[in-house]
Amino acid sequence: MPQPRKLKLYGFNNLTKALSFNAYDVCYAGSAEQQAAYIRYIDETYDSERLTHILHQVTEIIGAEVLNVARQDYDPQGASVTMLVAEEPMGTSGQVTAGGPGPLPAEVVAHLDKSHIAVHTYPERHPHNGIATFRTDIDVVTCGEISPLKALSYLIHSLESDIVTLDYRVRGCTRDTEGRKHFIDHDITSIQNYLTEQTRREFQMVDVNVYQENLFHTKMRRKAFHLDDYLFAIDAADLPEAERDRIRRLLRREMAEIFHGRNLPPDIDL
């Protein structure tokens, strides 16, 4: 990665950097009882307390300080946490340090005032085919030099995601000491620039980027598929081969349709 370039600003850095992180976990739970148990498991594993811990880690990684936390567990399922965060200086001011995969909190320099991080969970199940999914939406919005991209690797691996959709946008403008406007303060050609080599090996990735608008979109699908990793309260060895094949097709279709963002033809080879 190229070294971060220095940018001398006139006053405060007014750029807003928004990262939207959507992760999906997919599994098969055959009976109504197993599906209900899966939802309970997800609700207990990713309750508001656990989500608060994850967001605390994100704030540390990006170099921010928590000002306020609001959290809620919902009935019958799901949870939300929202944090207001502010500046926590971690280096010499005036240097932009958005580059490179995280977590690397020691490299983050903060000029941060009004920012927030929010997470919402959406556990659901299909009553007819046994597919259960767990979606997590996380928004990290920072104002100033601090970068939400530093938290990507941590989020992907802490949530053990099968499908990930990432959107990153830089809004607003700031001025240098010569009066020139800057609509982005770091080099980026793809969100993939901020992922570790290990993550890039593990996922198939597709980009849709609009460079002139500072809009970057990446969607990811895990390459490896081992049936036992996608079964809840069931062992693949206990199922007939025909049933294993049927479940594989169901799971692959679910993940392919989430990845492509549309319903696929029933006869397509997955």
C-alpha atoms as a PDB file:
ATOM      1  CA  MET A   1       0.000   0.000   0.000  1.00  0.00           C
ATOM      2  CA  PRO A   2       1.268   3.508  -0.745  1.00  0.00           C
ATOM      3  CA  GLN A   3       2.226   5.671   2.199  1.00  0.00           C
ATOM      4  CA  PRO A   4      -0.559   8.000   3.438  1.00  0.00           C
ATOM      5  CA  ARG A   5      -0.226  11.429   1.894  1.00  0.00           C
ATOM      6  CA  LYS A   6      -0.190  14.501   4.085  1.00  0.00           C
ATOM      7  CA  LEU A   7      -2.806  17.169   3.625  1.00  0.00           C
ATOM      8  CA  LYS A   8      -2.518  20.534   5.347  1.00  0.00           C
ATOM      9  CA  LEU A   9      -5.989  21.853   6.005  1.00  0.00           C
ATOM     10  CA  TYR A  10      -7.445  25.223   6.722  1.00  0.00           C
ATOM     11  CA  GLY A  11      -9.460  24.546   9.847  1.00  0.00           C
ATOM     12  CA  PHE A  12     -11.504  21.414  10.471  1.00  0.00           C
ATOM     13  CA  ASN A  13     -11.754  18.413   8.145  1.00  0.00           C
ATOM     14  CA  ASN A  14     -15.419  18.493   7.082  1.00  0.00           C
ATOM     15  CA  LEU A  15     -15.463  15.236   5.107  1.00  0.00           C
ATOM     16  CA  THR A  16     -18.004  12.615   6.179  1.00  0.00           C
ATOM     17  CA  LYS A  17     -17.093   8.970   5.521  1.00  0.00           C
ATOM     18  CA  ALA A  18     -19.936   6.474   5.661  1.00  0.00           C
ATOM     19  CA  LEU A  19     -19.466   2.701   5.654  1.00  0.00           C
ATOM     20  CA  SER A  20     -22.513   0.437   5.399  1.00  0.00           C
ATOM     21  CA  PHE A  21     -21.721  -3.174   6.296  1.00  0.00           C
ATOM     22  CA  ASN A  22     -24.347  -5.894   5.695  1.00  0.00           C
ATOM     23  CA  ALA A  23     -23.480  -9.471   6.667  1.00  0.00           C
ATOM     24  CA  TYR A  24     -25.525 -12.653   6.248  1.00  0.00           C
ATOM     25  CA  ASP A  25     -25.216 -15.994   8.016  1.00  0.00           C
ATOM     26  CA  VAL A  26     -27.161 -18.816   6.366  1.00  0.00           C
ATOM     27  CA  CYS A  27     -28.040 -22.234   7.781  1.00  0.00           C
ATOM     28  CA  TYR A  28     -30.465 -25.141   7.447  1.00  0.00           C
ATOM     29  CA  ALA A  29     -32.718 -26.131  10.352  1.00  0.00           C
ATOM     30  CA  GLY A  30     -35.087 -28.862   9.211  1.00  0.00           C
ATOM     31  CA  SER A  31     -37.924 -28.889  11.708  1.00  0.00           C
ATOM     32  CA  ALA A  32     -39.975 -26.085  13.203  1.00  0.00           C
ATOM     33  CA  GLU A  33     -38.388 -26.857  16.578  1.00  0.00           C
ATOM     34  CA  GLN A  34     -34.867 -26.620  15.136  1.00  0.00           C
ATOM     35  CA  GLN A  35     -35.711 -23.347  13.400  1.00  0.00           C
ATOM     36  CA  ALA A  36     -37.063 -21.871  16.608  1.00  0.00           C
ATOM     37  CA  ALA A  37     -33.940 -23.084  18.439  1.00  0.00           C
ATOM     38  CA  TYR A  38     -31.743 -21.415  15.806  1.00  0.00           C
ATOM     39  CA  ILE A  39     -33.511 -18.077  16.282  1.00  0.00           C
ATOM     40  CA  ARG A  40     -33.088 -18.397  20.068  1.00  0.00           C
ATOM     41  CA  TYR A  41     -29.411 -19.232  19.603  1.00  0.00           C
ATOM     42  CA  ILE A  42     -28.831 -16.190  17.394  1.00  0.00           C
ATOM     43  CA  ASP A  43     -30.755 -13.913  19.755  1.00  0.00           C
ATOM     44  CA  GLU A  44     -28.670 -15.111  22.708  1.00  0.00           C
ATOM     45  CA  THR A  45     -25.331 -15.036  20.861  1.00  0.00           C
ATOM     46  CA  TYR A  46     -25.867 -11.622  19.268  1.00  0.00           C
ATOM     47  CA  ASP A  47     -27.910  -9.837  21.915  1.00  0.00           C
ATOM     48  CA  SER A  48     -27.480  -6.133  22.557  1.00  0.00           C
ATOM     49  CA  GLU A  49     -24.710  -6.787  25.100  1.00  0.00           C
ATOM     50  CA  ARG A  50     -22.600  -8.737  22.587  1.00  0.00           C
ATOM     51  CA  LEU A  51     -23.284  -6.164  19.872  1.00  0.00           C
ATOM     52  CA  THR A  52     -22.245  -3.375  22.237  1.00  0.00           C
ATOM     53  CA  HIS A  53     -18.930  -5.167  22.793  1.00  0.00           C
ATOM     54  CA  ILE A  54     -18.405  -5.454  19.006  1.00  0.00           C
ATOM     55  CA  LEU A  55     -19.078  -1.742  18.513  1.00  0.00           C
ATOM     56  CA  HIS A  56     -16.714  -0.844  21.367  1.00  0.00           C
ATOM     57  CA  GLN A  57     -14.033  -2.794  19.523  1.00  0.00           C
ATOM     58  CA  VAL A  58     -14.848  -0.928  16.302  1.00  0.00           C
ATOM     59  CA  THR A  59     -14.476   2.453  18.012  1.00  0.00           C
ATOM     60  CA  GLU A  60     -11.101   1.397  19.399  1.00  0.00           C
ATOM     61  CA  ILE A  61      -9.917   0.156  16.004  1.00  0.00           C
ATOM     62  CA  ILE A  62     -10.852   3.365  14.174  1.00  0.00           C
ATOM     63  CA  GLY A  63      -9.458   5.533  16.964  1.00  0.00           C
ATOM     64  CA  ALA A  64     -12.631   7.006  18.433  1.00  0.00           C
ATOM     65  CA  GLU A  65     -14.091   7.488  21.897  1.00  0.00           C
ATOM     66  CA  VAL A  66     -17.609   6.452  22.952  1.00  0.00           C
ATOM     67  CA  LEU A  67     -19.795   9.312  24.164  1.00  0.00           C
ATOM     68  CA  ASN A  68     -23.146   7.598  24.541  1.00  0.00           C
ATOM     69  CA  VAL A  69     -24.693   4.139  24.030  1.00  0.00           C
ATOM     70  CA  ALA A  70     -28.338   3.240  23.385  1.00  0.00           C
ATOM     71  CA  ARG A  71     -29.225  -0.436  23.058  1.00  0.00           C
ATOM     72  CA  GLN A  72     -32.370  -2.525  22.801  1.00  0.00           C
ATOM     73  CA  ASP A  73     -33.337  -6.213  22.552  1.00  0.00           C
ATOM     74  CA  TYR A  74     -36.592  -6.787  20.677  1.00  0.00           C
ATOM     75  CA  ASP A  75     -39.493  -9.161  21.146  1.00  0.00           C
ATOM     76  CA  PRO A  76     -39.760 -11.646  19.502  1.00  0.00           C
ATOM     77  CA  GLN A  77     -36.228 -11.339  18.070  1.00  0.00           C
ATOM     78  CA  GLY A  78     -33.442  -8.984  17.026  1.00  0.00           C
ATOM     79  CA  ALA A  79     -31.436  -6.238  18.692  1.00  0.00           C
ATOM     80  CA  SER A  80     -30.089  -2.738  18.017  1.00  0.00           C
ATOM     81  CA  VAL A  81     -27.231  -0.658  19.396  1.00  0.00           C
ATOM     82  CA  THR A  82     -26.338   2.945  18.529  1.00  0.00           C
ATOM     83  CA  MET A  83     -23.225   4.788  19.711  1.00  0.00           C
ATOM     84  CA  LEU A  84     -22.261   8.429  19.465  1.00  0.00           C
ATOM     85  CA  VAL A  85     -18.500   8.656  19.155  1.00  0.00           C
ATOM     86  CA  ALA A  86     -15.956  11.473  19.257  1.00  0.00           C
ATOM     87  CA  GLU A  87     -12.279  12.189  18.821  1.00  0.00           C
ATOM     88  CA  GLU A  88      -9.612  10.185  20.588  1.00  0.00           C
ATOM     89  CA  PRO A  89      -6.208  11.419  19.344  1.00  0.00           C
ATOM     90  CA  MET A  90      -3.839   8.593  18.468  1.00  0.00           C
ATOM     91  CA  GLY A  91      -0.966  10.299  16.638  1.00  0.00           C
ATOM     92  CA  THR A  92       0.199  13.529  15.095  1.00  0.00           C
ATOM     93  CA  SER A  93      -2.641  15.626  13.707  1.00  0.00           C
ATOM     94  CA  GLY A  94      -2.717  16.657  10.063  1.00  0.00           C
ATOM     95  CA  GLN A  95      -1.854  13.289   8.510  1.00  0.00           C
ATOM     96  CA  VAL A  96      -4.479  11.248   6.675  1.00  0.00           C
ATOM     97  CA  THR A  97      -4.179   7.562   7.543  1.00  0.00           C
ATOM     98  CA  ALA A  98      -7.061   5.813   5.818  1.00  0.00           C
ATOM     99  CA  GLY A  99      -4.888   3.375   3.860  1.00  0.00           C
ATOM    100  CA  GLY A 100      -4.314  -0.309   4.539  1.00  0.00           C
ATOM    101  CA  PRO A 101      -6.333  -3.151   6.069  1.00  0.00           C
ATOM    102  CA  GLY A 102      -7.202  -2.976   9.774  1.00  0.00           C
ATOM    103  CA  PRO A 103      -7.340  -3.342  12.630  1.00  0.00           C
ATOM    104  CA  LEU A 104      -4.430  -0.960  13.107  1.00  0.00           C
ATOM    105  CA  PRO A 105      -5.589   1.578  15.716  1.00  0.00           C
ATOM    106  CA  ALA A 106      -2.103   2.901  16.343  1.00  0.00           C
ATOM    107  CA  GLU A 107      -2.019   4.254  12.777  1.00  0.00           C
ATOM    108  CA  VAL A 108      -5.287   6.170  12.992  1.00  0.00           C
ATOM    109  CA  VAL A 109      -5.198   9.928  13.467  1.00  0.00           C
ATOM    110  CA  ALA A 110      -8.435  11.548  14.625  1.00  0.00           C
ATOM    111  CA  HIS A 111     -10.028  14.911  14.069  1.00  0.00           C
ATOM    112  CA  LEU A 112     -13.470  13.646  14.994  1.00  0.00           C
ATOM    113  CA  ASP A 113     -16.442  15.422  16.504  1.00  0.00           C
ATOM    114  CA  LYS A 114     -19.910  14.316  15.326  1.00  0.00           C
ATOM    115  CA  SER A 115     -19.999  10.634  14.354  1.00  0.00           C
ATOM    116  CA  HIS A 116     -21.969   7.505  15.107  1.00  0.00           C
ATOM    117  CA  ILE A 117     -21.984   3.723  14.816  1.00  0.00           C
ATOM    118  CA  ALA A 118     -25.169   1.657  14.687  1.00  0.00           C
ATOM    119  CA  VAL A 119     -25.979  -2.053  14.413  1.00  0.00           C
ATOM    120  CA  HIS A 120     -29.284  -3.838  13.827  1.00  0.00           C
ATOM    121  CA  THR A 121     -29.906  -7.598  13.587  1.00  0.00           C
ATOM    122  CA  TYR A 122     -32.560  -9.433  11.589  1.00  0.00           C
ATOM    123  CA  PRO A 123     -32.898 -13.171  12.364  1.00  0.00           C
ATOM    124  CA  GLU A 124     -35.474 -14.940  10.197  1.00  0.00           C
ATOM    125  CA  ARG A 125     -36.530 -18.400   9.064  1.00  0.00           C
ATOM    126  CA  HIS A 126     -38.418 -19.885   6.138  1.00  0.00           C
ATOM    127  CA  PRO A 127     -41.264 -22.060   7.450  1.00  0.00           C
ATOM    128  CA  HIS A 128     -41.384 -24.335   4.367  1.00  0.00           C
ATOM    129  CA  ASN A 129     -37.844 -25.128   3.249  1.00  0.00           C
ATOM    130  CA  GLY A 130     -35.865 -25.035   6.514  1.00  0.00           C
ATOM    131  CA  ILE A 131     -33.592 -22.138   5.523  1.00  0.00           C
ATOM    132  CA  ALA A 132     -32.773 -19.702   8.323  1.00  0.00           C
ATOM    133  CA  THR A 133     -30.795 -16.489   7.844  1.00  0.00           C
ATOM    134  CA  PHE A 134     -29.279 -13.949  10.180  1.00  0.00           C
ATOM    135  CA  ARG A 135     -28.579 -10.489   8.761  1.00  0.00           C
ATOM    136  CA  THR A 136     -26.519  -7.883  10.565  1.00  0.00           C
ATOM    137  CA  ASP A 137     -26.493  -4.256   9.373  1.00  0.00           C
ATOM    138  CA  ILE A 138     -23.757  -1.981  10.708  1.00  0.00           C
ATOM    139  CA  ASP A 139     -23.280   1.674   9.788  1.00  0.00           C
ATOM    140  CA  VAL A 140     -20.063   3.478  10.720  1.00  0.00           C
ATOM    141  CA  VAL A 141     -20.204   7.213   9.959  1.00  0.00           C
ATOM    142  CA  THR A 142     -17.208   9.374  10.801  1.00  0.00           C
ATOM    143  CA  CYS A 143     -16.499  13.057  10.351  1.00  0.00           C
ATOM    144  CA  GLY A 144     -12.930  14.208   9.775  1.00  0.00           C
ATOM    145  CA  GLU A 145      -9.732  12.289   9.070  1.00  0.00           C
ATOM    146  CA  ILE A 146     -10.614   9.109  10.919  1.00  0.00           C
ATOM    147  CA  SER A 147     -11.530   6.163   8.678  1.00  0.00           C
ATOM    148  CA  PRO A 148     -14.284   3.556   9.195  1.00  0.00           C
ATOM    149  CA  LEU A 149     -12.514   1.282   6.702  1.00  0.00           C
ATOM    150  CA  LYS A 150     -10.064   0.286   9.440  1.00  0.00           C
ATOM    151  CA  ALA A 151     -12.776  -1.858  11.053  1.00  0.00           C
ATOM    152  CA  LEU A 152     -13.602  -4.013   8.017  1.00  0.00           C
ATOM    153  CA  SER A 153     -11.455  -7.063   8.739  1.00  0.00           C
ATOM    154  CA  TYR A 154     -12.565  -7.157  12.358  1.00  0.00           C
ATOM    155  CA  LEU A 155     -16.257  -6.995  11.422  1.00  0.00           C
ATOM    156  CA  ILE A 156     -16.044  -9.668   8.723  1.00  0.00           C
ATOM    157  CA  HIS A 157     -14.321 -12.175  10.976  1.00  0.00           C
ATOM    158  CA  SER A 158     -16.125 -11.386  14.222  1.00  0.00           C
ATOM    159  CA  LEU A 159     -19.494 -12.064  12.566  1.00  0.00           C
ATOM    160  CA  GLU A 160     -18.319 -15.197  10.664  1.00  0.00           C
ATOM    161  CA  SER A 161     -20.121 -13.961   7.559  1.00  0.00           C
ATOM    162  CA  ASP A 162     -21.153 -16.031   4.526  1.00  0.00           C
ATOM    163  CA  ILE A 163     -22.293 -13.077   2.388  1.00  0.00           C
ATOM    164  CA  VAL A 164     -21.124  -9.474   2.871  1.00  0.00           C
ATOM    165  CA  THR A 165     -22.291  -6.326   1.094  1.00  0.00           C
ATOM    166  CA  LEU A 166     -20.203  -3.179   1.600  1.00  0.00           C
ATOM    167  CA  ASP A 167     -20.953   0.400   0.615  1.00  0.00           C
ATOM    168  CA  TYR A 168     -18.552   3.262   1.260  1.00  0.00           C
ATOM    169  CA  ARG A 169     -19.075   6.915   0.406  1.00  0.00           C
ATOM    170  CA  VAL A 170     -17.227  10.140   1.130  1.00  0.00           C
ATOM    171  CA  ARG A 171     -19.466  13.221   1.316  1.00  0.00           C
ATOM    172  CA  GLY A 172     -18.858  16.927   1.646  1.00  0.00           C
ATOM    173  CA  CYS A 173     -15.616  18.797   1.074  1.00  0.00           C
ATOM    174  CA  THR A 174     -12.795  20.336   3.039  1.00  0.00           C
ATOM    175  CA  ARG A 175     -10.204  23.028   2.169  1.00  0.00           C
ATOM    176  CA  ASP A 176      -6.468  23.078   2.267  1.00  0.00           C
ATOM    177  CA  THR A 177      -4.385  26.065   3.350  1.00  0.00           C
ATOM    178  CA  GLU A 178      -4.349  27.341  -0.260  1.00  0.00           C
ATOM    179  CA  GLY A 179      -8.159  27.401  -0.368  1.00  0.00           C
ATOM    180  CA  ARG A 180      -8.468  24.426  -2.726  1.00  0.00           C
ATOM    181  CA  LYS A 181     -11.434  22.123  -2.094  1.00  0.00           C
ATOM    182  CA  HIS A 182     -10.846  18.421  -1.431  1.00  0.00           C
ATOM    183  CA  PHE A 183     -13.756  16.013  -1.871  1.00  0.00           C
ATOM    184  CA  ILE A 184     -11.760  13.023  -0.645  1.00  0.00           C
ATOM    185  CA  ASP A 185      -8.602  12.947   1.456  1.00  0.00           C
ATOM    186  CA  HIS A 186      -7.249   9.431   0.811  1.00  0.00           C
ATOM    187  CA  ASP A 187      -6.449   7.176  -2.125  1.00  0.00           C
ATOM    188  CA  ILE A 188      -8.953   4.415  -2.861  1.00  0.00           C
ATOM    189  CA  THR A 189      -9.790   2.417  -5.985  1.00  0.00           C
ATOM    190  CA  SER A 190     -11.812  -0.322  -4.256  1.00  0.00           C
ATOM    191  CA  ILE A 191     -12.968  -1.338  -0.796  1.00  0.00           C
ATOM    192  CA  GLN A 192     -10.893  -4.444  -1.437  1.00  0.00           C
ATOM    193  CA  ASN A 193      -7.802  -2.273  -0.862  1.00  0.00           C
ATOM    194  CA  TYR A 194      -8.715  -2.318   2.835  1.00  0.00           C
ATOM    195  CA  LEU A 195      -9.180  -6.074   3.223  1.00  0.00           C
ATOM    196  CA  THR A 196      -6.480  -8.465   4.358  1.00  0.00           C
ATOM    197  CA  GLU A 197      -4.938 -10.942   1.944  1.00  0.00           C
ATOM    198  CA  GLN A 198      -6.529 -13.776   3.938  1.00  0.00           C
ATOM    199  CA  THR A 199      -9.995 -12.266   3.485  1.00  0.00           C
ATOM    200  CA  ARG A 200      -9.459 -11.795  -0.248  1.00  0.00           C
ATOM    201  CA  ARG A 201      -8.484 -15.479  -0.534  1.00  0.00           C
ATOM    202  CA  GLU A 202     -11.567 -16.660   1.356  1.00  0.00           C
ATOM    203  CA  PHE A 203     -14.202 -14.679  -0.560  1.00  0.00           C
ATOM    204  CA  GLN A 204     -15.369 -14.245  -4.128  1.00  0.00           C
ATOM    205  CA  MET A 205     -15.758 -10.489  -4.679  1.00  0.00           C
ATOM    206  CA  VAL A 206     -17.463  -8.185  -7.167  1.00  0.00           C
ATOM    207  CA  ASP A 207     -17.046  -4.388  -7.304  1.00  0.00           C
ATOM    208  CA  VAL A 208     -19.336  -1.643  -8.592  1.00  0.00           C
ATOM    209  CA  ASN A 209     -17.535   1.708  -8.146  1.00  0.00           C
ATOM    210  CA  VAL A 210     -18.436   5.243  -9.254  1.00  0.00           C
ATOM    211  CA  TYR A 211     -15.124   7.031  -8.814  1.00  0.00           C
ATOM    212  CA  GLN A 212     -16.269  10.508  -9.834  1.00  0.00           C
ATOM    213  CA  GLU A 213     -18.914  10.392  -7.068  1.00  0.00           C
ATOM    214  CA  ASN A 214     -16.636   8.793  -4.440  1.00  0.00           C
ATOM    215  CA  LEU A 215     -18.993   5.802  -4.255  1.00  0.00           C
ATOM    216  CA  PHE A 216     -17.565   2.313  -3.695  1.00  0.00           C
ATOM    217  CA  HIS A 217     -19.509  -0.953  -3.531  1.00  0.00           C
ATOM    218  CA  THR A 218     -18.190  -4.474  -2.947  1.00  0.00           C
ATOM    219  CA  LYS A 219     -20.132  -7.675  -2.443  1.00  0.00           C
ATOM    220  CA  MET A 220     -18.508 -10.845  -1.127  1.00  0.00           C
ATOM    221  CA  ARG A 221     -19.406 -14.540  -0.981  1.00  0.00           C
ATOM    222  CA  ARG A 222     -17.433 -17.142   0.949  1.00  0.00           C
ATOM    223  CA  LYS A 223     -15.763 -19.638  -1.405  1.00  0.00           C
ATOM    224  CA  ALA A 224     -15.555 -22.697   0.841  1.00  0.00           C
ATOM    225  CA  PHE A 225     -18.706 -24.749   1.335  1.00  0.00           C
ATOM    226  CA  HIS A 226     -18.795 -27.602   3.857  1.00  0.00           C
ATOM    227  CA  LEU A 227     -22.298 -28.839   4.540  1.00  0.00           C
ATOM    228  CA  ASP A 228     -21.756 -29.437   8.256  1.00  0.00           C
ATOM    229  CA  ASP A 229     -20.905 -25.735   8.675  1.00  0.00           C
ATOM    230  CA  TYR A 230     -24.432 -24.858   7.515  1.00  0.00           C
ATOM    231  CA  LEU A 231     -26.485 -27.382   9.493  1.00  0.00           C
ATOM    232  CA  PHE A 232     -28.079 -26.475  12.822  1.00  0.00           C
ATOM    233  CA  ALA A 233     -28.641 -29.317  15.315  1.00  0.00           C
ATOM    234  CA  ILE A 234     -28.057 -31.855  12.510  1.00  0.00           C
ATOM    235  CA  ASP A 235     -25.007 -33.856  11.354  1.00  0.00           C
ATOM    236  CA  ALA A 236     -24.548 -34.406   7.632  1.00  0.00           C
ATOM    237  CA  ALA A 237     -23.422 -37.999   8.285  1.00  0.00           C
ATOM    238  CA  ASP A 238     -26.859 -38.791   9.749  1.00  0.00           C
ATOM    239  CA  LEU A 239     -28.668 -37.765   6.553  1.00  0.00           C
ATOM    240  CA  PRO A 240     -29.226 -39.859   3.409  1.00  0.00           C
ATOM    241  CA  GLU A 241     -27.153 -38.744   0.428  1.00  0.00           C
ATOM    242  CA  ALA A 242     -30.244 -37.585  -1.460  1.00  0.00           C
ATOM    243  CA  GLU A 243     -31.249 -35.372   1.487  1.00  0.00           C
ATOM    244  CA  ARG A 244     -27.743 -33.940   1.730  1.00  0.00           C
ATOM    245  CA  ASP A 245     -27.871 -33.037  -1.961  1.00  0.00           C
ATOM    246  CA  ARG A 246     -31.281 -31.407  -1.552  1.00  0.00           C
ATOM    247  CA  ILE A 247     -30.086 -29.297   1.388  1.00  0.00           C
ATOM    248  CA  ARG A 248     -26.912 -28.293  -0.469  1.00  0.00           C
ATOM    249  CA  ARG A 249     -29.007 -27.026  -3.383  1.00  0.00           C
ATOM    250  CA  LEU A 250     -31.276 -25.059  -1.032  1.00  0.00           C
ATOM    251  CA  LEU A 251     -28.337 -23.439   0.753  1.00  0.00           C
ATOM    252  CA  ARG A 252     -26.432 -22.633  -2.432  1.00  0.00           C
ATOM    253  CA  ARG A 253     -29.528 -21.061  -3.976  1.00  0.00           C
ATOM    254  CA  GLU A 254     -30.166 -18.955  -0.879  1.00  0.00           C
ATOM    255  CA  MET A 255     -26.589 -17.659  -0.829  1.00  0.00           C
ATOM    256  CA  ALA A 256     -26.480 -17.077  -4.596  1.00  0.00           C
ATOM    257  CA  GLU A 257     -29.722 -15.080  -4.554  1.00  0.00           C
ATOM    258  CA  ILE A 258     -28.560 -12.946  -1.625  1.00  0.00           C
ATOM    259  CA  PHE A 259     -25.215 -12.376  -3.359  1.00  0.00           C
ATOM    260  CA  HIS A 260     -26.781 -11.406  -6.700  1.00  0.00           C
ATOM    261  CA  GLY A 261     -29.647  -9.493  -5.100  1.00  0.00           C
ATOM    262  CA  ARG A 262     -32.412 -11.179  -7.114  1.00  0.00           C
ATOM    263  CA  ASN A 263     -34.406 -14.399  -7.469  1.00  0.00           C
ATOM    264  CA  LEU A 264     -32.679 -16.839  -9.834  1.00  0.00           C
ATOM    265  CA  PRO A 265     -34.356 -19.167 -12.366  1.00  0.00           C
ATOM    266  CA  PRO A 266     -35.262 -22.540 -10.847  1.00  0.00           C
ATOM    267  CA  ASP A 267     -33.256 -24.481 -13.436  1.00  0.00           C
ATOM    268  CA  ILE A 268     -29.992 -22.534 -13.029  1.00  0.00           C
ATOM    269  CA  ASP A 269     -26.910 -24.591 -12.165  1.00  0.00           C
ATOM    270  CA  LEU A 270     -25.554 -23.435  -8.784  1.00  0.00           C
END
